[in-house]
Amino acid sequence: MSKRLGGRQKLNQSNLNTVPDKPGIYLLRNKKGDAQYVGISRTLRSRIGHHVSQRDIPGAKSFQTRTTRSASQAEKLEGNYIKRYRPTHNVQKKK
């Protein structure tokens, strides 16, 4: 488990093999580096892959990940990351 977000990588198919197949939290950023979305997943690689193929977060150009021991641990961190980075696509937990 890492204690902070990993380095920023372009959100594309060729970078998927560098994403761990573990539970964790991820941050999608736009071209300027502003936070667009914070999410959690049981398998980071498949979730980031979904964002690559679906392009469901407009403007997302890069991502960062942080692995956790479990999905429940990622859930606990999610609220903190949303408050810290204030991503534009996470409306429910911003407050």
PDB file of N, CA and C in Angstrom:
ATOM      1  N   MET A   1       0.840  -1.178   0.000  1.00  0.00           N
ATOM      2  CA  MET A   1       0.000   0.000   0.000  1.00  0.00           C
ATOM      3  C   MET A   1       0.884   1.240   0.000  1.00  0.00           C
ATOM      4  N   SER A   2       0.616   2.158  -0.899  1.00  0.00           N
ATOM      5  CA  SER A   2       1.374   3.406  -0.916  1.00  0.00           C
ATOM      6  C   SER A   2       0.690   4.415   0.001  1.00  0.00           C
ATOM      7  N   LYS A   3       1.450   5.384   0.463  1.00  0.00           N
ATOM      8  CA  LYS A   3       0.910   6.374   1.384  1.00  0.00           C
ATOM      9  C   LYS A   3       0.480   7.647   0.682  1.00  0.00           C
ATOM     10  N   ARG A   4       0.776   7.773  -0.609  1.00  0.00           N
ATOM     11  CA  ARG A   4       0.341   8.949  -1.354  1.00  0.00           C
ATOM     12  C   ARG A   4       0.123   8.581  -2.817  1.00  0.00           C
ATOM     13  N   LEU A   5      -0.423   9.527  -3.551  1.00  0.00           N
ATOM     14  CA  LEU A   5      -0.700   9.287  -4.960  1.00  0.00           C
ATOM     15  C   LEU A   5       0.592   9.094  -5.738  1.00  0.00           C
ATOM     16  N   GLY A   6       0.544   8.191  -6.717  1.00  0.00           N
ATOM     17  CA  GLY A   6       1.687   7.973  -7.591  1.00  0.00           C
ATOM     18  C   GLY A   6       1.816   9.106  -8.599  1.00  0.00           C
ATOM     19  N   GLY A   7       2.834   9.035  -9.412  1.00  0.00           N
ATOM     20  CA  GLY A   7       3.081  10.056 -10.422  1.00  0.00           C
ATOM     21  C   GLY A   7       1.974  10.130 -11.452  1.00  0.00           C
ATOM     22  N   ARG A   8       1.834  11.293 -12.039  1.00  0.00           N
ATOM     23  CA  ARG A   8       0.795  11.519 -13.041  1.00  0.00           C
ATOM     24  C   ARG A   8       1.154  10.825 -14.346  1.00  0.00           C
ATOM     25  N   GLN A   9       0.168  10.150 -14.945  1.00  0.00           N
ATOM     26  CA  GLN A   9       0.350   9.457 -16.215  1.00  0.00           C
ATOM     27  C   GLN A   9      -0.770   9.862 -17.169  1.00  0.00           C
ATOM     28  N   LYS A  10      -0.463   9.858 -18.464  1.00  0.00           N
ATOM     29  CA  LYS A  10      -1.491  10.155 -19.453  1.00  0.00           C
ATOM     30  C   LYS A  10      -2.572   9.090 -19.408  1.00  0.00           C
ATOM     31  N   LEU A  11      -3.809   9.520 -19.578  1.00  0.00           N
ATOM     32  CA  LEU A  11      -4.952   8.620 -19.569  1.00  0.00           C
ATOM     33  C   LEU A  11      -5.109   8.018 -20.961  1.00  0.00           C
ATOM     34  N   ASN A  12      -4.373   6.929 -21.214  1.00  0.00           N
ATOM     35  CA  ASN A  12      -4.459   6.253 -22.508  1.00  0.00           C
ATOM     36  C   ASN A  12      -4.211   4.755 -22.334  1.00  0.00           C
ATOM     37  N   GLN A  13      -4.520   4.017 -23.377  1.00  0.00           N
ATOM     38  CA  GLN A  13      -4.441   2.552 -23.368  1.00  0.00           C
ATOM     39  C   GLN A  13      -3.038   2.042 -23.044  1.00  0.00           C
ATOM     40  N   SER A  14      -2.012   2.708 -23.566  1.00  0.00           N
ATOM     41  CA  SER A  14      -0.648   2.204 -23.381  1.00  0.00           C
ATOM     42  C   SER A  14      -0.163   2.300 -21.932  1.00  0.00           C
ATOM     43  N   ASN A  15      -0.778   3.137 -21.118  1.00  0.00           N
ATOM     44  CA  ASN A  15      -0.364   3.249 -19.717  1.00  0.00           C
ATOM     45  C   ASN A  15      -1.111   2.299 -18.783  1.00  0.00           C
ATOM     46  N   LEU A  16      -2.087   1.578 -19.294  1.00  0.00           N
ATOM     47  CA  LEU A  16      -2.864   0.677 -18.431  1.00  0.00           C
ATOM     48  C   LEU A  16      -2.021  -0.428 -17.802  1.00  0.00           C
ATOM     49  N   ASN A  17      -0.991  -0.898 -18.509  1.00  0.00           N
ATOM     50  CA  ASN A  17      -0.175  -1.977 -17.941  1.00  0.00           C
ATOM     51  C   ASN A  17       0.634  -1.526 -16.731  1.00  0.00           C
ATOM     52  N   THR A  18       0.741  -0.223 -16.502  1.00  0.00           N
ATOM     53  CA  THR A  18       1.468   0.277 -15.329  1.00  0.00           C
ATOM     54  C   THR A  18       0.554   0.424 -14.109  1.00  0.00           C
ATOM     55  N   VAL A  19      -0.752   0.302 -14.316  1.00  0.00           N
ATOM     56  CA  VAL A  19      -1.709   0.470 -13.226  1.00  0.00           C
ATOM     57  C   VAL A  19      -1.826  -0.844 -12.453  1.00  0.00           C
ATOM     58  N   PRO A  20      -1.692  -0.794 -11.122  1.00  0.00           N
ATOM     59  CA  PRO A  20      -1.791  -2.021 -10.333  1.00  0.00           C
ATOM     60  C   PRO A  20      -3.178  -2.647 -10.416  1.00  0.00           C
ATOM     61  N   ASP A  21      -3.224  -3.952 -10.383  1.00  0.00           N
ATOM     62  CA  ASP A  21      -4.486  -4.688 -10.380  1.00  0.00           C
ATOM     63  C   ASP A  21      -4.880  -4.958  -8.929  1.00  0.00           C
ATOM     64  N   LYS A  22      -4.976  -3.882  -8.163  1.00  0.00           N
ATOM     65  CA  LYS A  22      -5.242  -3.944  -6.725  1.00  0.00           C
ATOM     66  C   LYS A  22      -6.308  -2.914  -6.374  1.00  0.00           C
ATOM     67  N   PRO A  23      -6.864  -2.998  -5.167  1.00  0.00           N
ATOM     68  CA  PRO A  23      -7.823  -1.976  -4.749  1.00  0.00           C
ATOM     69  C   PRO A  23      -7.104  -0.654  -4.496  1.00  0.00           C
ATOM     70  N   GLY A  24      -7.854   0.430  -4.623  1.00  0.00           N
ATOM     71  CA  GLY A  24      -7.260   1.728  -4.344  1.00  0.00           C
ATOM     72  C   GLY A  24      -8.137   2.884  -4.752  1.00  0.00           C
ATOM     73  N   ILE A  25      -7.500   4.033  -4.783  1.00  0.00           N
ATOM     74  CA  ILE A  25      -8.159   5.289  -5.111  1.00  0.00           C
ATOM     75  C   ILE A  25      -7.432   5.902  -6.291  1.00  0.00           C
ATOM     76  N   TYR A  26      -8.159   6.642  -7.112  1.00  0.00           N
ATOM     77  CA  TYR A  26      -7.520   7.276  -8.271  1.00  0.00           C
ATOM     78  C   TYR A  26      -8.060   8.686  -8.457  1.00  0.00           C
ATOM     79  N   LEU A  27      -7.270   9.504  -9.110  1.00  0.00           N
ATOM     80  CA  LEU A  27      -7.601  10.896  -9.371  1.00  0.00           C
ATOM     81  C   LEU A  27      -7.408  11.153 -10.856  1.00  0.00           C
ATOM     82  N   LEU A  28      -8.459  11.657 -11.509  1.00  0.00           N
ATOM     83  CA  LEU A  28      -8.369  12.045 -12.914  1.00  0.00           C
ATOM     84  C   LEU A  28      -8.186  13.552 -12.981  1.00  0.00           C
ATOM     85  N   ARG A  29      -7.280  13.998 -13.851  1.00  0.00           N
ATOM     86  CA  ARG A  29      -6.979  15.429 -13.979  1.00  0.00           C
ATOM     87  C   ARG A  29      -7.171  15.895 -15.418  1.00  0.00           C
ATOM     88  N   ASN A  30      -7.425  17.200 -15.575  1.00  0.00           N
ATOM     89  CA  ASN A  30      -7.549  17.763 -16.916  1.00  0.00           C
ATOM     90  C   ASN A  30      -6.176  18.202 -17.433  1.00  0.00           C
ATOM     91  N   LYS A  31      -6.163  18.827 -18.593  1.00  0.00           N
ATOM     92  CA  LYS A  31      -4.918  19.247 -19.242  1.00  0.00           C
ATOM     93  C   LYS A  31      -4.092  20.195 -18.366  1.00  0.00           C
ATOM     94  N   LYS A  32      -4.765  21.056 -17.605  1.00  0.00           N
ATOM     95  CA  LYS A  32      -4.092  22.011 -16.722  1.00  0.00           C
ATOM     96  C   LYS A  32      -3.587  21.369 -15.433  1.00  0.00           C
ATOM     97  N   GLY A  33      -4.057  20.150 -15.149  1.00  0.00           N
ATOM     98  CA  GLY A  33      -3.679  19.466 -13.915  1.00  0.00           C
ATOM     99  C   GLY A  33      -4.708  19.600 -12.812  1.00  0.00           C
ATOM    100  N   ASP A  34      -5.839  20.249 -13.115  1.00  0.00           N
ATOM    101  CA  ASP A  34      -6.904  20.390 -12.119  1.00  0.00           C
ATOM    102  C   ASP A  34      -7.624  19.058 -11.927  1.00  0.00           C
ATOM    103  N   ALA A  35      -8.038  18.787 -10.712  1.00  0.00           N
ATOM    104  CA  ALA A  35      -8.750  17.545 -10.403  1.00  0.00           C
ATOM    105  C   ALA A  35     -10.125  17.543 -11.055  1.00  0.00           C
ATOM    106  N   GLN A  36     -10.439  16.455 -11.760  1.00  0.00           N
ATOM    107  CA  GLN A  36     -11.736  16.289 -12.400  1.00  0.00           C
ATOM    108  C   GLN A  36     -12.603  15.282 -11.646  1.00  0.00           C
ATOM    109  N   TYR A  37     -11.968  14.211 -11.141  1.00  0.00           N
ATOM    110  CA  TYR A  37     -12.738  13.144 -10.512  1.00  0.00           C
ATOM    111  C   TYR A  37     -11.856  12.329  -9.577  1.00  0.00           C
ATOM    112  N   VAL A  38     -12.393  12.000  -8.414  1.00  0.00           N
ATOM    113  CA  VAL A  38     -11.764  11.062  -7.478  1.00  0.00           C
ATOM    114  C   VAL A  38     -12.656   9.833  -7.425  1.00  0.00           C
ATOM    115  N   GLY A  39     -12.063   8.660  -7.588  1.00  0.00           N
ATOM    116  CA  GLY A  39     -12.839   7.427  -7.549  1.00  0.00           C
ATOM    117  C   GLY A  39     -12.104   6.331  -6.816  1.00  0.00           C
ATOM    118  N   ILE A  40     -12.835   5.277  -6.500  1.00  0.00           N
ATOM    119  CA  ILE A  40     -12.258   4.113  -5.844  1.00  0.00           C
ATOM    120  C   ILE A  40     -12.557   2.888  -6.679  1.00  0.00           C
ATOM    121  N   SER A  41     -11.777   1.845  -6.477  1.00  0.00           N
ATOM    122  CA  SER A  41     -12.010   0.622  -7.218  1.00  0.00           C
ATOM    123  C   SER A  41     -11.407  -0.568  -6.484  1.00  0.00           C
ATOM    124  N   ARG A  42     -12.010  -1.725  -6.698  1.00  0.00           N
ATOM    125  CA  ARG A  42     -11.441  -2.975  -6.179  1.00  0.00           C
ATOM    126  C   ARG A  42     -10.264  -3.403  -7.034  1.00  0.00           C
ATOM    127  N   THR A  43     -10.298  -3.036  -8.320  1.00  0.00           N
ATOM    128  CA  THR A  43      -9.186  -3.302  -9.237  1.00  0.00           C
ATOM    129  C   THR A  43      -8.931  -2.036 -10.057  1.00  0.00           C
ATOM    130  N   LEU A  44      -7.915  -1.313  -9.678  1.00  0.00           N
ATOM    131  CA  LEU A  44      -7.618  -0.028 -10.317  1.00  0.00           C
ATOM    132  C   LEU A  44      -7.441  -0.148 -11.828  1.00  0.00           C
ATOM    133  N   ARG A  45      -6.749  -1.181 -12.276  1.00  0.00           N
ATOM    134  CA  ARG A  45      -6.476  -1.317 -13.711  1.00  0.00           C
ATOM    135  C   ARG A  45      -7.765  -1.365 -14.527  1.00  0.00           C
ATOM    136  N   SER A  46      -8.730  -2.165 -14.083  1.00  0.00           N
ATOM    137  CA  SER A  46      -9.968  -2.275 -14.870  1.00  0.00           C
ATOM    138  C   SER A  46     -10.778  -0.975 -14.804  1.00  0.00           C
ATOM    139  N   ARG A  47     -10.758  -0.303 -13.679  1.00  0.00           N
ATOM    140  CA  ARG A  47     -11.533   0.943 -13.549  1.00  0.00           C
ATOM    141  C   ARG A  47     -10.925   2.056 -14.398  1.00  0.00           C
ATOM    142  N   ILE A  48      -9.616   2.201 -14.358  1.00  0.00           N
ATOM    143  CA  ILE A  48      -8.947   3.207 -15.202  1.00  0.00           C
ATOM    144  C   ILE A  48      -9.180   2.845 -16.667  1.00  0.00           C
ATOM    145  N   GLY A  49      -9.125   1.558 -16.984  1.00  0.00           N
ATOM    146  CA  GLY A  49      -9.394   1.095 -18.345  1.00  0.00           C
ATOM    147  C   GLY A  49     -10.785   1.488 -18.809  1.00  0.00           C
ATOM    148  N   HIS A  50     -11.748   1.422 -17.909  1.00  0.00           N
ATOM    149  CA  HIS A  50     -13.109   1.841 -18.233  1.00  0.00           C
ATOM    150  C   HIS A  50     -13.123   3.319 -18.625  1.00  0.00           C
ATOM    151  N   HIS A  51     -12.435   4.149 -17.854  1.00  0.00           N
ATOM    152  CA  HIS A  51     -12.397   5.583 -18.165  1.00  0.00           C
ATOM    153  C   HIS A  51     -11.703   5.843 -19.503  1.00  0.00           C
ATOM    154  N   VAL A  52     -10.682   5.059 -19.813  1.00  0.00           N
ATOM    155  CA  VAL A  52      -9.990   5.202 -21.105  1.00  0.00           C
ATOM    156  C   VAL A  52     -10.945   4.882 -22.246  1.00  0.00           C
ATOM    157  N   SER A  53     -11.655   3.765 -22.142  1.00  0.00           N
ATOM    158  CA  SER A  53     -12.513   3.336 -23.254  1.00  0.00           C
ATOM    159  C   SER A  53     -13.816   4.132 -23.351  1.00  0.00           C
ATOM    160  N   GLN A  54     -14.396   4.511 -22.247  1.00  0.00           N
ATOM    161  CA  GLN A  54     -15.685   5.207 -22.260  1.00  0.00           C
ATOM    162  C   GLN A  54     -15.559   6.728 -22.382  1.00  0.00           C
ATOM    163  N   ARG A  55     -14.420   7.256 -21.991  1.00  0.00           N
ATOM    164  CA  ARG A  55     -14.215   8.720 -21.978  1.00  0.00           C
ATOM    165  C   ARG A  55     -15.393   9.411 -21.290  1.00  0.00           C
ATOM    166  N   ASP A  56     -15.758   8.903 -20.118  1.00  0.00           N
ATOM    167  CA  ASP A  56     -16.939   9.383 -19.411  1.00  0.00           C
ATOM    168  C   ASP A  56     -16.721  10.621 -18.546  1.00  0.00           C
ATOM    169  N   ILE A  57     -15.485  11.025 -18.371  1.00  0.00           N
ATOM    170  CA  ILE A  57     -15.191  12.260 -17.643  1.00  0.00           C
ATOM    171  C   ILE A  57     -14.599  13.238 -18.657  1.00  0.00           C
ATOM    172  N   PRO A  58     -15.406  14.163 -19.180  1.00  0.00           N
ATOM    173  CA  PRO A  58     -14.922  15.089 -20.204  1.00  0.00           C
ATOM    174  C   PRO A  58     -13.715  15.887 -19.723  1.00  0.00           C
ATOM    175  N   GLY A  59     -12.713  15.961 -20.550  1.00  0.00           N
ATOM    176  CA  GLY A  59     -11.523  16.741 -20.233  1.00  0.00           C
ATOM    177  C   GLY A  59     -10.448  16.002 -19.464  1.00  0.00           C
ATOM    178  N   ALA A  60     -10.722  14.778 -19.015  1.00  0.00           N
ATOM    179  CA  ALA A  60      -9.722  14.014 -18.260  1.00  0.00           C
ATOM    180  C   ALA A  60      -8.582  13.606 -19.187  1.00  0.00           C
ATOM    181  N   LYS A  61      -7.360  14.002 -18.823  1.00  0.00           N
ATOM    182  CA  LYS A  61      -6.189  13.729 -19.657  1.00  0.00           C
ATOM    183  C   LYS A  61      -5.125  12.901 -18.953  1.00  0.00           C
ATOM    184  N   SER A  62      -5.147  12.890 -17.603  1.00  0.00           N
ATOM    185  CA  SER A  62      -4.140  12.131 -16.868  1.00  0.00           C
ATOM    186  C   SER A  62      -4.754  11.559 -15.597  1.00  0.00           C
ATOM    187  N   PHE A  63      -4.009  10.647 -14.973  1.00  0.00           N
ATOM    188  CA  PHE A  63      -4.498  10.014 -13.752  1.00  0.00           C
ATOM    189  C   PHE A  63      -3.339   9.758 -12.796  1.00  0.00           C
ATOM    190  N   GLN A  64      -3.722   9.579 -11.528  1.00  0.00           N
ATOM    191  CA  GLN A  64      -2.798   9.161 -10.476  1.00  0.00           C
ATOM    192  C   GLN A  64      -3.528   8.110  -9.654  1.00  0.00           C
ATOM    193  N   THR A  65      -2.780   7.184  -9.084  1.00  0.00           N
ATOM    194  CA  THR A  65      -3.398   6.140  -8.269  1.00  0.00           C
ATOM    195  C   THR A  65      -2.700   6.022  -6.917  1.00  0.00           C
ATOM    196  N   ARG A  66      -3.417   5.427  -5.993  1.00  0.00           N
ATOM    197  CA  ARG A  66      -2.870   5.056  -4.687  1.00  0.00           C
ATOM    198  C   ARG A  66      -3.490   3.726  -4.316  1.00  0.00           C
ATOM    199  N   THR A  67      -2.670   2.715  -4.123  1.00  0.00           N
ATOM    200  CA  THR A  67      -3.198   1.411  -3.735  1.00  0.00           C
ATOM    201  C   THR A  67      -3.510   1.393  -2.240  1.00  0.00           C
ATOM    202  N   THR A  68      -4.468   0.542  -1.890  1.00  0.00           N
ATOM    203  CA  THR A  68      -4.850   0.349  -0.491  1.00  0.00           C
ATOM    204  C   THR A  68      -4.923  -1.150  -0.215  1.00  0.00           C
ATOM    205  N   ARG A  69      -5.026  -1.510   1.039  1.00  0.00           N
ATOM    206  CA  ARG A  69      -5.117  -2.930   1.408  1.00  0.00           C
ATOM    207  C   ARG A  69      -6.460  -3.534   1.011  1.00  0.00           C
ATOM    208  N   SER A  70      -7.498  -2.685   0.986  1.00  0.00           N
ATOM    209  CA  SER A  70      -8.838  -3.185   0.676  1.00  0.00           C
ATOM    210  C   SER A  70      -9.681  -2.074   0.056  1.00  0.00           C
ATOM    211  N   ALA A  71     -10.801  -2.472  -0.534  1.00  0.00           N
ATOM    212  CA  ALA A  71     -11.730  -1.497  -1.103  1.00  0.00           C
ATOM    213  C   ALA A  71     -12.350  -0.638   0.000  1.00  0.00           C
ATOM    214  N   SER A  72     -12.575  -1.230   1.162  1.00  0.00           N
ATOM    215  CA  SER A  72     -13.163  -0.450   2.261  1.00  0.00           C
ATOM    216  C   SER A  72     -12.199   0.632   2.751  1.00  0.00           C
ATOM    217  N   GLN A  73     -10.904   0.350   2.725  1.00  0.00           N
ATOM    218  CA  GLN A  73      -9.935   1.369   3.097  1.00  0.00           C
ATOM    219  C   GLN A  73      -9.945   2.500   2.055  1.00  0.00           C
ATOM    220  N   ALA A  74     -10.089   2.152   0.786  1.00  0.00           N
ATOM    221  CA  ALA A  74     -10.174   3.162  -0.272  1.00  0.00           C
ATOM    222  C   ALA A  74     -11.405   4.048  -0.068  1.00  0.00           C
ATOM    223  N   GLU A  75     -12.517   3.436   0.329  1.00  0.00           N
ATOM    224  CA  GLU A  75     -13.743   4.199   0.582  1.00  0.00           C
ATOM    225  C   GLU A  75     -13.529   5.236   1.677  1.00  0.00           C
ATOM    226  N   LYS A  76     -12.795   4.871   2.709  1.00  0.00           N
ATOM    227  CA  LYS A  76     -12.520   5.804   3.801  1.00  0.00           C
ATOM    228  C   LYS A  76     -11.677   6.986   3.323  1.00  0.00           C
ATOM    229  N   LEU A  77     -10.757   6.730   2.408  1.00  0.00           N
ATOM    230  CA  LEU A  77      -9.898   7.793   1.892  1.00  0.00           C
ATOM    231  C   LEU A  77     -10.597   8.695   0.881  1.00  0.00           C
ATOM    232  N   GLU A  78     -11.599   8.158   0.207  1.00  0.00           N
ATOM    233  CA  GLU A  78     -12.251   8.895  -0.877  1.00  0.00           C
ATOM    234  C   GLU A  78     -12.760  10.270  -0.434  1.00  0.00           C
ATOM    235  N   GLY A  79     -13.468  10.323   0.661  1.00  0.00           N
ATOM    236  CA  GLY A  79     -13.996  11.598   1.156  1.00  0.00           C
ATOM    237  C   GLY A  79     -12.901  12.610   1.433  1.00  0.00           C
ATOM    238  N   ASN A  80     -11.796  12.146   2.006  1.00  0.00           N
ATOM    239  CA  ASN A  80     -10.668  13.044   2.283  1.00  0.00           C
ATOM    240  C   ASN A  80     -10.074  13.614   0.999  1.00  0.00           C
ATOM    241  N   TYR A  81      -9.937  12.762  -0.010  1.00  0.00           N
ATOM    242  CA  TYR A  81      -9.377  13.216  -1.286  1.00  0.00           C
ATOM    243  C   TYR A  81     -10.325  14.187  -1.991  1.00  0.00           C
ATOM    244  N   ILE A  82     -11.624  13.941  -1.884  1.00  0.00           N
ATOM    245  CA  ILE A  82     -12.589  14.848  -2.503  1.00  0.00           C
ATOM    246  C   ILE A  82     -12.521  16.217  -1.838  1.00  0.00           C
ATOM    247  N   LYS A  83     -12.444  16.231  -0.520  1.00  0.00           N
ATOM    248  CA  LYS A  83     -12.329  17.508   0.193  1.00  0.00           C
ATOM    249  C   LYS A  83     -11.026  18.215  -0.130  1.00  0.00           C
ATOM    250  N   ARG A  84      -9.956  17.464  -0.265  1.00  0.00           N
ATOM    251  CA  ARG A  84      -8.633  18.050  -0.525  1.00  0.00           C
ATOM    252  C   ARG A  84      -8.502  18.601  -1.948  1.00  0.00           C
ATOM    253  N   TYR A  85      -8.928  17.811  -2.948  1.00  0.00           N
ATOM    254  CA  TYR A  85      -8.711  18.191  -4.346  1.00  0.00           C
ATOM    255  C   TYR A  85      -9.908  18.891  -4.992  1.00  0.00           C
ATOM    256  N   ARG A  86     -11.091  18.782  -4.393  1.00  0.00           N
ATOM    257  CA  ARG A  86     -12.307  19.430  -4.887  1.00  0.00           C
ATOM    258  C   ARG A  86     -12.541  19.198  -6.381  1.00  0.00           C
ATOM    259  N   PRO A  87     -12.624  17.940  -6.810  1.00  0.00           N
ATOM    260  CA  PRO A  87     -12.818  17.633  -8.225  1.00  0.00           C
ATOM    261  C   PRO A  87     -14.196  18.071  -8.728  1.00  0.00           C
ATOM    262  N   THR A  88     -14.238  18.517  -9.971  1.00  0.00           N
ATOM    263  CA  THR A  88     -15.468  19.063 -10.536  1.00  0.00           C
ATOM    264  C   THR A  88     -16.574  18.030 -10.724  1.00  0.00           C
ATOM    265  N   HIS A  89     -16.250  16.764 -10.873  1.00  0.00           N
ATOM    266  CA  HIS A  89     -17.262  15.733 -11.133  1.00  0.00           C
ATOM    267  C   HIS A  89     -17.706  14.959  -9.904  1.00  0.00           C
ATOM    268  N   ASN A  90     -17.191  15.276  -8.732  1.00  0.00           N
ATOM    269  CA  ASN A  90     -17.656  14.655  -7.487  1.00  0.00           C
ATOM    270  C   ASN A  90     -18.503  15.691  -6.750  1.00  0.00           C
ATOM    271  N   VAL A  91     -19.791  15.625  -6.907  1.00  0.00           N
ATOM    272  CA  VAL A  91     -20.647  16.628  -6.310  1.00  0.00           C
ATOM    273  C   VAL A  91     -21.143  16.222  -4.933  1.00  0.00           C
ATOM    274  N   GLN A  92     -21.430  14.966  -4.743  1.00  0.00           N
ATOM    275  CA  GLN A  92     -22.083  14.517  -3.523  1.00  0.00           C
ATOM    276  C   GLN A  92     -21.241  14.679  -2.263  1.00  0.00           C
ATOM    277  N   LYS A  93     -19.934  14.428  -2.328  1.00  0.00           N
ATOM    278  CA  LYS A  93     -19.144  14.411  -1.093  1.00  0.00           C
ATOM    279  C   LYS A  93     -18.240  15.632  -0.928  1.00  0.00           C
ATOM    280  N   LYS A  94     -18.461  16.678  -1.696  1.00  0.00           N
ATOM    281  CA  LYS A  94     -17.602  17.862  -1.624  1.00  0.00           C
ATOM    282  C   LYS A  94     -17.692  18.584  -0.281  1.00  0.00           C
ATOM    283  N   LYS A  95     -18.834  18.571   0.344  1.00  0.00           N
ATOM    284  CA  LYS A  95     -19.045  19.384   1.551  1.00  0.00           C
ATOM    285  C   LYS A  95     -18.390  18.810   2.762  1.00  0.00           C
TER     286      LYS A  95
END
